[in-house]
Amino acid sequence: MSPARFCRIILAAVVGLACAPASAEEVRLPERKAGLWELSTTMDEGLGPKDQTMKLCIDADMERNTVTASAEEHAKQCSKYDVTRQDESTVVDMSCQFASRHVASRTEMSGDFQTAFVVKIQSTTSGEQNQQSVTVKRTITQTGKYLGGDCGDLVGGEAMGPDGNRVLVQ
């Protein structure tokens, strides 16, 4: 898998899950502080872990847009989307249908999301590929460390890997 594709998968999974709000009566998920973040991600789909470190520029508009888009997507695609507080963590249990793929996952988020956070996702994706039933179990762990309010030449929603390649995540 190319580093850019890996980056997009990780960011889509973590951004999409970590920023979607529950309804106003329920637990609201944490929002990351605007500024430059260093994200260290490990993803394992059963073939051994793959690590990626990148910098991501987050601005307030990005967070609001992500929250809105994620809430709408989950409302349309998920038969289950439960957000709860357990001890010091926010937990999301969901079951969703995206095109021909079913995704069931549990996400645990901890930290203050102002200086640091940890997101752990356990998911199972099942569907058809080349007329065969395929199931992928995926574990993603991401740590985020706030580096400061200045994103340098990165714009909101833009991530940069250690090789200098940039990817827009919004």
N, C-alpha and C. Protein backbone atom coordinates (compact mmCIF):
# COMPACT_ATOMS: atom_id res chain seq x y z
N MET A 1 0.85 -1.16 0.00
CA MET A 1 0.00 0.00 0.00
C MET A 1 0.90 1.23 0.00
N SER A 2 0.57 2.19 -0.84
CA SER A 2 1.40 3.39 -0.94
C SER A 2 1.24 4.24 0.33
N PRO A 3 2.25 5.00 0.69
CA PRO A 3 2.16 5.86 1.87
C PRO A 3 0.99 6.85 1.78
N ALA A 4 0.72 7.39 0.60
CA ALA A 4 -0.39 8.34 0.45
C ALA A 4 -1.73 7.65 0.70
N ARG A 5 -1.90 6.42 0.17
CA ARG A 5 -3.15 5.68 0.38
C ARG A 5 -3.31 5.33 1.85
N PHE A 6 -2.23 4.87 2.49
CA PHE A 6 -2.24 4.56 3.90
C PHE A 6 -2.66 5.80 4.70
N CYS A 7 -2.07 6.93 4.36
CA CYS A 7 -2.38 8.20 5.03
C CYS A 7 -3.86 8.52 4.90
N ARG A 8 -4.42 8.40 3.68
CA ARG A 8 -5.83 8.70 3.47
C ARG A 8 -6.75 7.76 4.24
N ILE A 9 -6.42 6.46 4.27
CA ILE A 9 -7.23 5.49 5.02
C ILE A 9 -7.22 5.83 6.50
N ILE A 10 -6.05 6.06 7.04
CA ILE A 10 -5.94 6.35 8.47
C ILE A 10 -6.68 7.64 8.81
N LEU A 11 -6.43 8.69 8.05
CA LEU A 11 -7.07 9.95 8.36
C LEU A 11 -8.58 9.88 8.20
N ALA A 12 -9.05 9.20 7.17
CA ALA A 12 -10.50 9.06 7.00
C ALA A 12 -11.10 8.30 8.16
N ALA A 13 -10.47 7.23 8.57
CA ALA A 13 -11.01 6.43 9.67
C ALA A 13 -11.01 7.21 10.97
N VAL A 14 -9.89 7.79 11.30
CA VAL A 14 -9.78 8.47 12.58
C VAL A 14 -10.52 9.79 12.60
N VAL A 15 -10.39 10.59 11.56
CA VAL A 15 -11.11 11.86 11.52
C VAL A 15 -12.60 11.62 11.49
N GLY A 16 -13.05 10.70 10.66
CA GLY A 16 -14.47 10.43 10.56
C GLY A 16 -15.07 9.92 11.84
N LEU A 17 -14.37 9.08 12.57
CA LEU A 17 -14.91 8.53 13.80
C LEU A 17 -14.69 9.45 14.98
N ALA A 18 -13.59 10.14 15.00
CA ALA A 18 -13.26 10.91 16.18
C ALA A 18 -13.99 12.23 16.27
N CYS A 19 -14.61 12.66 15.22
CA CYS A 19 -15.19 14.00 15.23
C CYS A 19 -16.70 14.03 15.02
N ALA A 20 -17.33 12.91 14.84
CA ALA A 20 -18.77 12.90 14.61
C ALA A 20 -19.51 13.06 15.93
N PRO A 21 -20.47 14.00 16.00
CA PRO A 21 -21.16 14.21 17.25
C PRO A 21 -22.36 13.30 17.39
N ALA A 22 -22.74 13.02 18.61
CA ALA A 22 -24.00 12.37 18.89
C ALA A 22 -25.08 13.46 18.92
N SER A 23 -26.32 13.08 19.12
CA SER A 23 -27.36 14.09 19.20
C SER A 23 -27.13 14.96 20.42
N ALA A 24 -27.83 16.09 20.49
CA ALA A 24 -27.60 17.07 21.55
C ALA A 24 -27.81 16.48 22.94
N GLU A 25 -28.71 15.47 23.08
CA GLU A 25 -28.99 14.88 24.39
C GLU A 25 -27.93 13.87 24.80
N GLU A 26 -27.13 13.42 23.88
CA GLU A 26 -26.17 12.37 24.16
C GLU A 26 -24.77 12.95 24.36
N VAL A 27 -23.84 12.06 24.63
CA VAL A 27 -22.44 12.45 24.81
C VAL A 27 -21.92 13.03 23.51
N ARG A 28 -21.22 14.15 23.63
CA ARG A 28 -20.61 14.78 22.46
C ARG A 28 -19.14 14.38 22.42
N LEU A 29 -18.68 14.06 21.24
CA LEU A 29 -17.29 13.64 21.09
C LEU A 29 -16.35 14.84 21.17
N PRO A 30 -15.11 14.57 21.57
CA PRO A 30 -14.13 15.66 21.72
C PRO A 30 -13.73 16.26 20.38
N GLU A 31 -13.42 17.54 20.42
CA GLU A 31 -12.90 18.23 19.23
C GLU A 31 -11.45 18.62 19.49
N ARG A 32 -10.64 18.44 18.48
CA ARG A 32 -9.22 18.78 18.60
C ARG A 32 -9.03 20.30 18.54
N LYS A 33 -8.05 20.75 19.28
CA LYS A 33 -7.69 22.17 19.29
C LYS A 33 -7.12 22.55 17.93
N ALA A 34 -7.45 23.74 17.45
CA ALA A 34 -6.92 24.22 16.18
C ALA A 34 -5.41 24.40 16.29
N GLY A 35 -4.71 24.06 15.21
CA GLY A 35 -3.26 24.21 15.17
C GLY A 35 -2.60 23.00 14.53
N LEU A 36 -1.30 22.89 14.75
CA LEU A 36 -0.50 21.82 14.15
C LEU A 36 -0.40 20.65 15.12
N TRP A 37 -0.74 19.46 14.62
CA TRP A 37 -0.69 18.23 15.41
C TRP A 37 0.27 17.24 14.77
N GLU A 38 0.98 16.49 15.60
CA GLU A 38 1.75 15.35 15.12
C GLU A 38 0.93 14.11 15.43
N LEU A 39 0.66 13.32 14.39
CA LEU A 39 -0.14 12.12 14.53
C LEU A 39 0.74 10.90 14.27
N SER A 40 0.76 9.98 15.20
CA SER A 40 1.47 8.71 15.03
C SER A 40 0.42 7.62 15.00
N THR A 41 0.38 6.87 13.91
CA THR A 41 -0.68 5.89 13.69
C THR A 41 -0.08 4.53 13.39
N THR A 42 -0.67 3.52 14.00
CA THR A 42 -0.34 2.13 13.70
C THR A 42 -1.63 1.46 13.24
N MET A 43 -1.57 0.82 12.07
CA MET A 43 -2.72 0.09 11.55
C MET A 43 -2.29 -1.35 11.28
N ASP A 44 -3.13 -2.29 11.72
CA ASP A 44 -2.86 -3.70 11.48
C ASP A 44 -4.12 -4.35 10.93
N GLU A 45 -3.99 -4.95 9.75
CA GLU A 45 -5.10 -5.67 9.12
C GLU A 45 -4.80 -7.17 9.09
N GLY A 46 -3.97 -7.64 10.02
CA GLY A 46 -3.66 -9.05 10.11
C GLY A 46 -2.37 -9.45 9.43
N LEU A 47 -1.73 -8.54 8.74
CA LEU A 47 -0.47 -8.86 8.05
C LEU A 47 0.72 -8.19 8.73
N GLY A 48 0.53 -7.74 9.94
CA GLY A 48 1.57 -7.02 10.66
C GLY A 48 1.29 -5.53 10.66
N PRO A 49 1.73 -4.85 11.68
CA PRO A 49 1.44 -3.42 11.81
C PRO A 49 2.19 -2.56 10.80
N LYS A 50 1.52 -1.49 10.39
CA LYS A 50 2.14 -0.47 9.54
C LYS A 50 2.06 0.84 10.32
N ASP A 51 3.18 1.52 10.39
CA ASP A 51 3.26 2.77 11.14
C ASP A 51 3.36 3.96 10.20
N GLN A 52 2.77 5.05 10.63
CA GLN A 52 2.83 6.30 9.86
C GLN A 52 2.87 7.45 10.85
N THR A 53 3.74 8.39 10.62
CA THR A 53 3.77 9.62 11.41
C THR A 53 3.60 10.77 10.44
N MET A 54 2.78 11.71 10.80
CA MET A 54 2.56 12.87 9.93
C MET A 54 2.18 14.07 10.78
N LYS A 55 2.21 15.19 10.13
CA LYS A 55 1.73 16.43 10.76
C LYS A 55 0.43 16.81 10.06
N LEU A 56 -0.54 17.29 10.84
CA LEU A 56 -1.85 17.67 10.33
C LEU A 56 -2.21 19.05 10.86
N CYS A 57 -2.62 19.91 9.95
CA CYS A 57 -3.09 21.25 10.33
C CYS A 57 -4.60 21.20 10.52
N ILE A 58 -5.04 21.57 11.70
CA ILE A 58 -6.46 21.60 12.02
C ILE A 58 -6.84 23.04 12.30
N ASP A 59 -7.92 23.47 11.66
CA ASP A 59 -8.46 24.78 12.01
C ASP A 59 -9.90 24.61 12.47
N ALA A 60 -10.45 25.65 13.07
CA ALA A 60 -11.79 25.56 13.64
C ALA A 60 -12.83 25.21 12.58
N ASP A 61 -12.70 25.78 11.39
CA ASP A 61 -13.64 25.46 10.31
C ASP A 61 -13.57 23.99 9.94
N MET A 62 -12.36 23.44 9.91
CA MET A 62 -12.19 22.02 9.59
C MET A 62 -12.94 21.16 10.59
N GLU A 63 -12.78 21.45 11.86
CA GLU A 63 -13.46 20.66 12.89
C GLU A 63 -14.97 20.75 12.75
N ARG A 64 -15.50 21.96 12.56
CA ARG A 64 -16.96 22.13 12.40
C ARG A 64 -17.45 21.38 11.16
N ASN A 65 -16.74 21.50 10.03
CA ASN A 65 -17.14 20.80 8.80
C ASN A 65 -17.10 19.29 8.98
N THR A 66 -16.07 18.80 9.65
CA THR A 66 -15.94 17.36 9.88
C THR A 66 -17.08 16.87 10.76
N VAL A 67 -17.38 17.60 11.81
CA VAL A 67 -18.47 17.23 12.71
C VAL A 67 -19.79 17.16 11.94
N THR A 68 -20.09 18.17 11.15
CA THR A 68 -21.35 18.21 10.39
C THR A 68 -21.43 17.08 9.38
N ALA A 69 -20.40 16.92 8.56
CA ALA A 69 -20.40 15.89 7.53
C ALA A 69 -20.46 14.49 8.14
N SER A 70 -19.72 14.27 9.21
CA SER A 70 -19.70 12.96 9.86
C SER A 70 -21.06 12.63 10.46
N ALA A 71 -21.69 13.59 11.10
CA ALA A 71 -23.01 13.35 11.70
C ALA A 71 -24.03 12.97 10.63
N GLU A 72 -24.00 13.68 9.51
CA GLU A 72 -24.93 13.38 8.42
C GLU A 72 -24.67 11.99 7.84
N GLU A 73 -23.42 11.65 7.63
CA GLU A 73 -23.06 10.35 7.07
C GLU A 73 -23.49 9.21 7.99
N HIS A 74 -23.21 9.35 9.28
CA HIS A 74 -23.59 8.30 10.22
C HIS A 74 -25.11 8.18 10.32
N ALA A 75 -25.83 9.27 10.27
CA ALA A 75 -27.30 9.21 10.32
C ALA A 75 -27.87 8.42 9.14
N LYS A 76 -27.25 8.55 7.97
CA LYS A 76 -27.72 7.86 6.77
C LYS A 76 -27.28 6.41 6.70
N GLN A 77 -26.08 6.11 7.14
CA GLN A 77 -25.45 4.82 6.88
C GLN A 77 -25.45 3.83 8.04
N CYS A 78 -25.74 4.27 9.24
CA CYS A 78 -25.55 3.40 10.41
C CYS A 78 -26.86 2.99 11.05
N SER A 79 -26.97 1.69 11.31
CA SER A 79 -28.12 1.20 12.06
C SER A 79 -27.87 1.32 13.55
N LYS A 80 -26.61 1.42 13.92
CA LYS A 80 -26.22 1.61 15.33
C LYS A 80 -25.10 2.63 15.37
N TYR A 81 -25.26 3.62 16.24
CA TYR A 81 -24.21 4.61 16.46
C TYR A 81 -24.38 5.12 17.89
N ASP A 82 -23.73 4.44 18.84
CA ASP A 82 -23.87 4.75 20.25
C ASP A 82 -22.60 5.39 20.77
N VAL A 83 -22.75 6.56 21.38
CA VAL A 83 -21.62 7.28 21.97
C VAL A 83 -21.85 7.34 23.47
N THR A 84 -20.87 6.84 24.23
CA THR A 84 -20.99 6.84 25.69
C THR A 84 -19.69 7.29 26.33
N ARG A 85 -19.76 7.66 27.59
CA ARG A 85 -18.57 7.95 28.40
C ARG A 85 -18.32 6.74 29.28
N GLN A 86 -17.09 6.25 29.29
CA GLN A 86 -16.69 5.16 30.17
C GLN A 86 -15.40 5.57 30.85
N ASP A 87 -15.50 5.82 32.14
CA ASP A 87 -14.36 6.34 32.91
C ASP A 87 -13.88 7.64 32.25
N GLU A 88 -12.63 7.68 31.83
CA GLU A 88 -12.06 8.89 31.23
C GLU A 88 -12.09 8.86 29.71
N SER A 89 -12.83 7.92 29.13
CA SER A 89 -12.84 7.76 27.67
C SER A 89 -14.23 8.01 27.09
N THR A 90 -14.23 8.41 25.82
CA THR A 90 -15.45 8.45 25.03
C THR A 90 -15.40 7.23 24.12
N VAL A 91 -16.50 6.49 24.08
CA VAL A 91 -16.55 5.23 23.33
C VAL A 91 -17.66 5.31 22.29
N VAL A 92 -17.36 4.87 21.07
CA VAL A 92 -18.34 4.82 19.99
C VAL A 92 -18.44 3.37 19.52
N ASP A 93 -19.65 2.83 19.60
CA ASP A 93 -19.95 1.51 19.03
C ASP A 93 -20.86 1.75 17.85
N MET A 94 -20.49 1.23 16.68
CA MET A 94 -21.31 1.49 15.50
C MET A 94 -21.38 0.28 14.57
N SER A 95 -22.44 0.27 13.79
CA SER A 95 -22.66 -0.73 12.75
C SER A 95 -23.22 0.03 11.56
N CYS A 96 -22.46 0.04 10.44
CA CYS A 96 -22.82 0.89 9.30
C CYS A 96 -22.70 0.12 7.98
N GLN A 97 -23.45 0.58 7.00
CA GLN A 97 -23.38 0.04 5.65
C GLN A 97 -22.88 1.14 4.73
N PHE A 98 -21.75 0.92 4.09
CA PHE A 98 -21.17 1.86 3.13
C PHE A 98 -21.08 1.13 1.79
N ALA A 99 -21.96 1.48 0.86
CA ALA A 99 -22.07 0.78 -0.43
C ALA A 99 -22.27 -0.70 -0.15
N SER A 100 -21.39 -1.56 -0.65
CA SER A 100 -21.56 -3.00 -0.46
C SER A 100 -20.78 -3.52 0.75
N ARG A 101 -20.27 -2.64 1.57
CA ARG A 101 -19.47 -3.06 2.72
C ARG A 101 -20.16 -2.74 4.04
N HIS A 102 -20.13 -3.71 4.94
CA HIS A 102 -20.65 -3.52 6.28
C HIS A 102 -19.46 -3.31 7.21
N VAL A 103 -19.53 -2.29 8.06
CA VAL A 103 -18.46 -2.00 9.01
C VAL A 103 -19.04 -1.97 10.42
N ALA A 104 -18.46 -2.78 11.29
CA ALA A 104 -18.80 -2.76 12.71
C ALA A 104 -17.53 -2.36 13.44
N SER A 105 -17.64 -1.40 14.36
CA SER A 105 -16.42 -0.96 15.03
C SER A 105 -16.69 -0.47 16.44
N ARG A 106 -15.62 -0.45 17.20
CA ARG A 106 -15.61 0.13 18.54
C ARG A 106 -14.41 1.07 18.58
N THR A 107 -14.67 2.31 18.95
CA THR A 107 -13.63 3.34 19.02
C THR A 107 -13.57 3.86 20.45
N GLU A 108 -12.38 3.92 21.01
CA GLU A 108 -12.18 4.48 22.34
C GLU A 108 -11.24 5.68 22.21
N MET A 109 -11.69 6.83 22.74
CA MET A 109 -10.93 8.07 22.64
C MET A 109 -10.64 8.60 24.03
N SER A 110 -9.39 8.96 24.28
CA SER A 110 -9.02 9.53 25.57
C SER A 110 -8.03 10.66 25.36
N GLY A 111 -7.86 11.45 26.40
CA GLY A 111 -6.97 12.61 26.34
C GLY A 111 -7.78 13.88 26.44
N ASP A 112 -7.09 15.01 26.48
CA ASP A 112 -7.81 16.28 26.58
C ASP A 112 -8.11 16.91 25.22
N PHE A 113 -7.54 16.41 24.14
CA PHE A 113 -7.73 16.88 22.77
C PHE A 113 -7.32 18.35 22.61
N GLN A 114 -6.65 18.89 23.62
CA GLN A 114 -6.08 20.23 23.56
C GLN A 114 -4.56 20.15 23.45
N THR A 115 -3.98 19.13 24.10
CA THR A 115 -2.54 18.93 24.06
C THR A 115 -2.18 17.53 23.57
N ALA A 116 -3.06 16.56 23.80
CA ALA A 116 -2.77 15.18 23.40
C ALA A 116 -4.05 14.35 23.38
N PHE A 117 -4.01 13.26 22.60
CA PHE A 117 -5.12 12.31 22.59
C PHE A 117 -4.64 10.95 22.11
N VAL A 118 -5.46 9.93 22.41
CA VAL A 118 -5.24 8.58 21.92
C VAL A 118 -6.59 8.08 21.41
N VAL A 119 -6.60 7.54 20.19
CA VAL A 119 -7.80 6.94 19.61
C VAL A 119 -7.46 5.51 19.25
N LYS A 120 -8.28 4.57 19.73
CA LYS A 120 -8.10 3.15 19.41
C LYS A 120 -9.36 2.65 18.73
N ILE A 121 -9.20 2.06 17.54
CA ILE A 121 -10.33 1.57 16.75
C ILE A 121 -10.13 0.08 16.49
N GLN A 122 -11.15 -0.70 16.80
CA GLN A 122 -11.21 -2.11 16.43
C GLN A 122 -12.38 -2.23 15.46
N SER A 123 -12.14 -2.67 14.22
CA SER A 123 -13.24 -2.75 13.27
C SER A 123 -13.18 -4.04 12.46
N THR A 124 -14.36 -4.41 11.96
CA THR A 124 -14.48 -5.54 11.04
C THR A 124 -15.27 -5.04 9.85
N THR A 125 -14.68 -5.18 8.66
CA THR A 125 -15.34 -4.79 7.42
C THR A 125 -15.60 -6.06 6.63
N SER A 126 -16.84 -6.22 6.18
CA SER A 126 -17.16 -7.40 5.37
C SER A 126 -17.91 -6.95 4.12
N GLY A 127 -17.71 -7.71 3.06
CA GLY A 127 -18.36 -7.39 1.79
C GLY A 127 -17.89 -8.32 0.70
N GLU A 128 -18.27 -8.00 -0.52
CA GLU A 128 -17.91 -8.80 -1.69
C GLU A 128 -16.76 -8.15 -2.44
N GLN A 129 -15.82 -8.99 -2.86
CA GLN A 129 -14.72 -8.53 -3.70
C GLN A 129 -14.43 -9.64 -4.69
N ASN A 130 -14.52 -9.32 -5.99
CA ASN A 130 -14.32 -10.32 -7.04
C ASN A 130 -15.23 -11.53 -6.84
N GLN A 131 -16.47 -11.27 -6.49
CA GLN A 131 -17.51 -12.28 -6.28
C GLN A 131 -17.18 -13.24 -5.14
N GLN A 132 -16.37 -12.80 -4.20
CA GLN A 132 -16.06 -13.60 -3.02
C GLN A 132 -16.32 -12.77 -1.79
N SER A 133 -16.78 -13.42 -0.74
CA SER A 133 -17.00 -12.75 0.52
C SER A 133 -15.65 -12.50 1.19
N VAL A 134 -15.42 -11.26 1.61
CA VAL A 134 -14.14 -10.88 2.21
C VAL A 134 -14.42 -10.18 3.54
N THR A 135 -13.67 -10.57 4.57
CA THR A 135 -13.77 -9.93 5.87
C THR A 135 -12.38 -9.46 6.28
N VAL A 136 -12.29 -8.19 6.71
CA VAL A 136 -11.01 -7.62 7.15
C VAL A 136 -11.18 -7.10 8.56
N LYS A 137 -10.37 -7.62 9.46
CA LYS A 137 -10.33 -7.10 10.83
C LYS A 137 -9.18 -6.11 10.90
N ARG A 138 -9.46 -4.95 11.44
CA ARG A 138 -8.49 -3.86 11.43
C ARG A 138 -8.38 -3.27 12.84
N THR A 139 -7.15 -3.02 13.24
CA THR A 139 -6.89 -2.32 14.49
C THR A 139 -6.09 -1.06 14.15
N ILE A 140 -6.58 0.07 14.62
CA ILE A 140 -5.89 1.34 14.39
C ILE A 140 -5.69 2.01 15.74
N THR A 141 -4.47 2.42 16.00
CA THR A 141 -4.18 3.21 17.20
C THR A 141 -3.49 4.48 16.74
N GLN A 142 -4.04 5.61 17.18
CA GLN A 142 -3.45 6.89 16.80
C GLN A 142 -3.24 7.74 18.05
N THR A 143 -2.04 8.30 18.15
CA THR A 143 -1.76 9.27 19.20
C THR A 143 -1.56 10.61 18.53
N GLY A 144 -2.07 11.63 19.18
CA GLY A 144 -1.91 12.99 18.67
C GLY A 144 -1.24 13.85 19.71
N LYS A 145 -0.29 14.66 19.25
CA LYS A 145 0.42 15.59 20.15
C LYS A 145 0.34 16.98 19.53
N TYR A 146 -0.17 17.93 20.30
CA TYR A 146 -0.30 19.30 19.82
C TYR A 146 1.08 19.94 19.76
N LEU A 147 1.41 20.51 18.58
CA LEU A 147 2.73 21.14 18.40
C LEU A 147 2.67 22.66 18.50
N GLY A 148 1.48 23.25 18.37
CA GLY A 148 1.36 24.70 18.46
C GLY A 148 0.32 25.24 17.51
N GLY A 149 0.06 26.53 17.65
CA GLY A 149 -0.99 27.18 16.87
C GLY A 149 -0.60 27.51 15.44
N ASP A 150 0.69 27.53 15.13
CA ASP A 150 1.15 27.90 13.80
C ASP A 150 1.37 26.64 12.95
N CYS A 151 0.65 26.55 11.83
CA CYS A 151 0.77 25.39 10.94
C CYS A 151 1.84 25.57 9.87
N GLY A 152 2.57 26.67 9.92
CA GLY A 152 3.58 26.92 8.89
C GLY A 152 2.91 27.07 7.54
N ASP A 153 3.39 26.35 6.52
CA ASP A 153 2.80 26.48 5.19
C ASP A 153 1.72 25.43 4.92
N LEU A 154 1.35 24.62 5.92
CA LEU A 154 0.21 23.71 5.77
C LEU A 154 -1.09 24.49 5.97
N VAL A 155 -2.09 24.14 5.20
CA VAL A 155 -3.40 24.78 5.36
C VAL A 155 -4.30 23.84 6.14
N GLY A 156 -5.39 24.38 6.69
CA GLY A 156 -6.35 23.57 7.43
C GLY A 156 -6.81 22.38 6.61
N GLY A 157 -6.75 21.20 7.21
CA GLY A 157 -7.16 19.99 6.52
C GLY A 157 -6.05 19.33 5.72
N GLU A 158 -4.85 19.87 5.78
CA GLU A 158 -3.74 19.30 5.03
C GLU A 158 -2.79 18.56 5.97
N ALA A 159 -2.39 17.36 5.53
CA ALA A 159 -1.43 16.56 6.29
C ALA A 159 -0.16 16.38 5.47
N MET A 160 0.97 16.25 6.19
CA MET A 160 2.24 16.05 5.51
C MET A 160 2.98 14.89 6.19
N GLY A 161 3.41 13.92 5.37
CA GLY A 161 4.18 12.79 5.87
C GLY A 161 5.64 13.15 6.01
N PRO A 162 6.43 12.24 6.59
CA PRO A 162 7.85 12.52 6.79
C PRO A 162 8.62 12.68 5.48
N ASP A 163 8.06 12.16 4.37
CA ASP A 163 8.72 12.30 3.07
C ASP A 163 8.37 13.62 2.38
N GLY A 164 7.55 14.45 3.05
CA GLY A 164 7.17 15.74 2.48
C GLY A 164 5.91 15.71 1.62
N ASN A 165 5.40 14.52 1.32
CA ASN A 165 4.15 14.42 0.55
C ASN A 165 2.99 14.97 1.36
N ARG A 166 2.11 15.67 0.67
CA ARG A 166 0.96 16.29 1.33
C ARG A 166 -0.32 15.66 0.82
N VAL A 167 -1.30 15.58 1.72
CA VAL A 167 -2.61 15.02 1.40
C VAL A 167 -3.66 15.91 2.03
N LEU A 168 -4.67 16.30 1.28
CA LEU A 168 -5.81 17.01 1.85
C LEU A 168 -6.78 15.99 2.41
N VAL A 169 -7.19 16.17 3.65
CA VAL A 169 -8.11 15.24 4.28
C VAL A 169 -9.51 15.82 4.37
N GLN A 170 -9.69 17.04 3.95
CA GLN A 170 -11.01 17.68 3.95
C GLN A 170 -11.33 18.12 2.56
